[in-house]
Amino acid sequence: MRRNRWLLITMLLSVAVAILTGCGSNEPSWTAFEGAANAKTFPVPKEANKTERASKSSEIDYVRYTLPGIKENDDIPGPYLQEIAAWGWKEEASQSSGSQKVFLRDGQIVQLSVHDDFFTVLVPKDKKSTVNVKTIDTE
């Protein structure tokens, strides 16, 4: 009898954990930020996970971050744009479009490119390339 009770309790706890895990929010909270790996003065959500960094290119340094819940077809969330502005970055609207945003601060340019469940932070290495930053597709 005791053995059956422990088995029942274990099963109920397992089901409860599975339900709670499955019901967790996939949306980022947009409450905590840290500096990007390639631009320490540019914020990225702490929830984002760095998955790839390509710094060997002579023209651009980019870091790819996974962030479940972020979507290419949606606008960049307002809280994230507010945090970017709070860190002193200004959007270059003439070079931004849709899910590709270009930001400027103290002569440094950062391009934020949002895709489904990931985003990239691109930083031109050569000062000449900061004049005409174009959209770079990392897929």
C-alpha atoms as a PDB file:
ATOM      1  CA  MET A   1       0.000   0.000   0.000  1.00  0.00           C
ATOM      2  CA  ARG A   2       2.815   2.416   0.917  1.00  0.00           C
ATOM      3  CA  ARG A   3       4.616   1.604  -2.284  1.00  0.00           C
ATOM      4  CA  ASN A   4       1.538   2.542  -4.335  1.00  0.00           C
ATOM      5  CA  ARG A   5       1.184   5.832  -2.468  1.00  0.00           C
ATOM      6  CA  TRP A   6       4.804   6.827  -3.210  1.00  0.00           C
ATOM      7  CA  LEU A   7       4.325   5.860  -6.816  1.00  0.00           C
ATOM      8  CA  LEU A   8       1.185   7.998  -7.031  1.00  0.00           C
ATOM      9  CA  ILE A   9       2.894  10.974  -5.354  1.00  0.00           C
ATOM     10  CA  THR A  10       5.888  10.677  -7.678  1.00  0.00           C
ATOM     11  CA  MET A  11       3.632  10.554 -10.731  1.00  0.00           C
ATOM     12  CA  LEU A  12       1.628  13.582  -9.583  1.00  0.00           C
ATOM     13  CA  LEU A  13       4.793  15.589  -8.934  1.00  0.00           C
ATOM     14  CA  SER A  14       6.158  14.630 -12.352  1.00  0.00           C
ATOM     15  CA  VAL A  15       2.957  15.751 -14.059  1.00  0.00           C
ATOM     16  CA  ALA A  16       2.943  19.024 -12.099  1.00  0.00           C
ATOM     17  CA  VAL A  17       6.546  19.781 -13.076  1.00  0.00           C
ATOM     18  CA  ALA A  18       5.797  18.984 -16.728  1.00  0.00           C
ATOM     19  CA  ILE A  19       2.761  21.277 -16.728  1.00  0.00           C
ATOM     20  CA  LEU A  20       4.630  24.136 -15.064  1.00  0.00           C
ATOM     21  CA  THR A  21       7.549  23.779 -17.464  1.00  0.00           C
ATOM     22  CA  GLY A  22       5.272  23.723 -20.481  1.00  0.00           C
ATOM     23  CA  CYS A  23       3.260  26.717 -19.319  1.00  0.00           C
ATOM     24  CA  GLY A  24       6.299  28.917 -18.820  1.00  0.00           C
ATOM     25  CA  SER A  25       6.372  32.111 -20.844  1.00  0.00           C
ATOM     26  CA  ASN A  26       8.415  32.103 -24.047  1.00  0.00           C
ATOM     27  CA  GLU A  27       8.304  35.888 -24.152  1.00  0.00           C
ATOM     28  CA  PRO A  28      11.397  37.782 -22.987  1.00  0.00           C
ATOM     29  CA  SER A  29      10.853  39.927 -19.899  1.00  0.00           C
ATOM     30  CA  TRP A  30      12.895  42.949 -21.145  1.00  0.00           C
ATOM     31  CA  THR A  31      13.904  43.849 -17.585  1.00  0.00           C
ATOM     32  CA  ALA A  32      17.611  43.006 -17.300  1.00  0.00           C
ATOM     33  CA  PHE A  33      20.364  43.914 -19.755  1.00  0.00           C
ATOM     34  CA  GLU A  34      24.129  43.603 -20.152  1.00  0.00           C
ATOM     35  CA  GLY A  35      26.666  44.836 -22.686  1.00  0.00           C
ATOM     36  CA  ALA A  36      26.959  42.961 -25.977  1.00  0.00           C
ATOM     37  CA  ALA A  37      30.010  40.752 -26.438  1.00  0.00           C
ATOM     38  CA  ASN A  38      31.256  42.885 -29.332  1.00  0.00           C
ATOM     39  CA  ALA A  39      30.061  46.303 -28.091  1.00  0.00           C
ATOM     40  CA  LYS A  40      30.052  46.503 -24.287  1.00  0.00           C
ATOM     41  CA  THR A  41      28.161  49.817 -24.377  1.00  0.00           C
ATOM     42  CA  PHE A  42      25.243  48.333 -26.374  1.00  0.00           C
ATOM     43  CA  PRO A  43      22.583  46.536 -24.303  1.00  0.00           C
ATOM     44  CA  VAL A  44      21.352  42.998 -24.931  1.00  0.00           C
ATOM     45  CA  PRO A  45      18.814  41.181 -22.758  1.00  0.00           C
ATOM     46  CA  LYS A  46      20.439  39.001 -20.084  1.00  0.00           C
ATOM     47  CA  GLU A  47      18.000  36.268 -21.129  1.00  0.00           C
ATOM     48  CA  ALA A  48      19.664  36.090 -24.554  1.00  0.00           C
ATOM     49  CA  ASN A  49      22.272  33.381 -25.107  1.00  0.00           C
ATOM     50  CA  LYS A  50      25.328  34.051 -27.247  1.00  0.00           C
ATOM     51  CA  THR A  51      25.532  31.264 -29.816  1.00  0.00           C
ATOM     52  CA  GLU A  52      28.006  32.490 -32.391  1.00  0.00           C
ATOM     53  CA  ARG A  53      30.637  35.173 -32.792  1.00  0.00           C
ATOM     54  CA  ALA A  54      32.446  36.010 -36.002  1.00  0.00           C
ATOM     55  CA  SER A  55      35.248  38.469 -35.371  1.00  0.00           C
ATOM     56  CA  LYS A  56      37.712  37.178 -37.950  1.00  0.00           C
ATOM     57  CA  SER A  57      36.191  39.280 -40.714  1.00  0.00           C
ATOM     58  CA  SER A  58      38.214  42.375 -41.500  1.00  0.00           C
ATOM     59  CA  GLU A  59      35.063  44.427 -42.041  1.00  0.00           C
ATOM     60  CA  ILE A  60      32.535  43.479 -39.378  1.00  0.00           C
ATOM     61  CA  ASP A  61      32.286  41.854 -35.950  1.00  0.00           C
ATOM     62  CA  TYR A  62      28.964  40.197 -35.243  1.00  0.00           C
ATOM     63  CA  VAL A  63      27.499  38.215 -32.394  1.00  0.00           C
ATOM     64  CA  ARG A  64      24.399  36.060 -32.701  1.00  0.00           C
ATOM     65  CA  TYR A  65      22.119  35.656 -29.683  1.00  0.00           C
ATOM     66  CA  THR A  66      19.186  33.277 -29.288  1.00  0.00           C
ATOM     67  CA  LEU A  67      16.115  34.748 -27.625  1.00  0.00           C
ATOM     68  CA  PRO A  68      12.947  32.644 -27.832  1.00  0.00           C
ATOM     69  CA  GLY A  69       9.857  34.743 -28.426  1.00  0.00           C
ATOM     70  CA  ILE A  70      11.441  37.501 -30.517  1.00  0.00           C
ATOM     71  CA  LYS A  71      10.056  37.634 -34.075  1.00  0.00           C
ATOM     72  CA  GLU A  72      11.361  39.163 -37.287  1.00  0.00           C
ATOM     73  CA  ASN A  73       7.919  40.321 -38.431  1.00  0.00           C
ATOM     74  CA  ASP A  74       7.200  42.137 -35.156  1.00  0.00           C
ATOM     75  CA  ASP A  75       8.649  45.508 -34.266  1.00  0.00           C
ATOM     76  CA  ILE A  76      11.579  45.523 -31.868  1.00  0.00           C
ATOM     77  CA  PRO A  77       9.843  45.694 -28.466  1.00  0.00           C
ATOM     78  CA  GLY A  78       9.438  49.185 -26.997  1.00  0.00           C
ATOM     79  CA  PRO A  79      11.149  48.330 -23.682  1.00  0.00           C
ATOM     80  CA  TYR A  80      14.248  47.180 -25.582  1.00  0.00           C
ATOM     81  CA  LEU A  81      14.327  50.328 -27.731  1.00  0.00           C
ATOM     82  CA  GLN A  82      13.926  52.424 -24.569  1.00  0.00           C
ATOM     83  CA  GLU A  83      16.850  50.619 -22.935  1.00  0.00           C
ATOM     84  CA  ILE A  84      19.014  51.158 -26.022  1.00  0.00           C
ATOM     85  CA  ALA A  85      18.189  54.891 -25.869  1.00  0.00           C
ATOM     86  CA  ALA A  86      18.873  54.951 -22.104  1.00  0.00           C
ATOM     87  CA  TRP A  87      22.371  53.607 -22.815  1.00  0.00           C
ATOM     88  CA  GLY A  88      22.938  56.623 -25.071  1.00  0.00           C
ATOM     89  CA  TRP A  89      22.319  55.119 -28.512  1.00  0.00           C
ATOM     90  CA  LYS A  90      20.330  57.002 -31.155  1.00  0.00           C
ATOM     91  CA  GLU A  91      18.604  55.243 -34.039  1.00  0.00           C
ATOM     92  CA  GLU A  92      19.714  56.233 -37.545  1.00  0.00           C
ATOM     93  CA  ALA A  93      16.248  56.107 -39.105  1.00  0.00           C
ATOM     94  CA  SER A  94      17.552  56.721 -42.635  1.00  0.00           C
ATOM     95  CA  GLN A  95      19.535  53.466 -42.474  1.00  0.00           C
ATOM     96  CA  SER A  96      16.995  51.438 -40.474  1.00  0.00           C
ATOM     97  CA  SER A  97      14.129  49.395 -41.883  1.00  0.00           C
ATOM     98  CA  GLY A  98      11.752  46.891 -40.308  1.00  0.00           C
ATOM     99  CA  SER A  99      13.642  44.400 -38.188  1.00  0.00           C
ATOM    100  CA  GLN A 100      17.027  45.917 -39.129  1.00  0.00           C
ATOM    101  CA  LYS A 101      17.956  48.926 -36.975  1.00  0.00           C
ATOM    102  CA  VAL A 102      21.126  51.003 -37.049  1.00  0.00           C
ATOM    103  CA  PHE A 103      22.227  52.878 -33.918  1.00  0.00           C
ATOM    104  CA  LEU A 104      24.920  55.515 -33.415  1.00  0.00           C
ATOM    105  CA  ARG A 105      26.775  56.602 -30.275  1.00  0.00           C
ATOM    106  CA  ASP A 106      29.969  58.632 -30.077  1.00  0.00           C
ATOM    107  CA  GLY A 107      30.854  57.843 -33.693  1.00  0.00           C
ATOM    108  CA  GLN A 108      30.363  54.089 -33.237  1.00  0.00           C
ATOM    109  CA  ILE A 109      27.738  52.259 -35.266  1.00  0.00           C
ATOM    110  CA  VAL A 110      25.855  49.121 -34.215  1.00  0.00           C
ATOM    111  CA  GLN A 111      23.359  47.284 -36.378  1.00  0.00           C
ATOM    112  CA  LEU A 112      20.670  45.212 -34.660  1.00  0.00           C
ATOM    113  CA  SER A 113      19.133  42.562 -36.902  1.00  0.00           C
ATOM    114  CA  VAL A 114      16.132  40.628 -35.545  1.00  0.00           C
ATOM    115  CA  HIS A 115      15.057  37.214 -36.835  1.00  0.00           C
ATOM    116  CA  ASP A 116      12.694  34.556 -35.485  1.00  0.00           C
ATOM    117  CA  ASP A 117      14.010  33.492 -32.056  1.00  0.00           C
ATOM    118  CA  PHE A 118      17.423  35.123 -32.511  1.00  0.00           C
ATOM    119  CA  PHE A 119      19.079  38.437 -33.231  1.00  0.00           C
ATOM    120  CA  THR A 120      22.516  39.658 -34.229  1.00  0.00           C
ATOM    121  CA  VAL A 121      24.538  42.645 -33.089  1.00  0.00           C
ATOM    122  CA  LEU A 122      26.857  43.792 -35.894  1.00  0.00           C
ATOM    123  CA  VAL A 123      29.697  46.275 -35.425  1.00  0.00           C
ATOM    124  CA  PRO A 124      31.725  47.586 -38.390  1.00  0.00           C
ATOM    125  CA  LYS A 125      35.460  47.359 -37.658  1.00  0.00           C
ATOM    126  CA  ASP A 126      36.696  49.814 -40.254  1.00  0.00           C
ATOM    127  CA  LYS A 127      35.767  53.498 -39.833  1.00  0.00           C
ATOM    128  CA  LYS A 128      35.171  53.684 -43.608  1.00  0.00           C
ATOM    129  CA  SER A 129      32.414  51.087 -43.297  1.00  0.00           C
ATOM    130  CA  THR A 130      30.555  53.228 -40.739  1.00  0.00           C
ATOM    131  CA  VAL A 131      29.646  55.727 -43.444  1.00  0.00           C
ATOM    132  CA  ASN A 132      27.320  53.441 -45.417  1.00  0.00           C
ATOM    133  CA  VAL A 133      26.141  50.569 -43.248  1.00  0.00           C
ATOM    134  CA  LYS A 134      23.949  48.251 -45.302  1.00  0.00           C
ATOM    135  CA  THR A 135      21.772  45.354 -44.250  1.00  0.00           C
ATOM    136  CA  ILE A 136      23.762  42.166 -43.788  1.00  0.00           C
ATOM    137  CA  ASP A 137      21.903  38.867 -43.809  1.00  0.00           C
ATOM    138  CA  THR A 138      23.596  36.308 -41.539  1.00  0.00           C
ATOM    139  CA  GLU A 139      21.531  33.295 -42.549  1.00  0.00           C
END
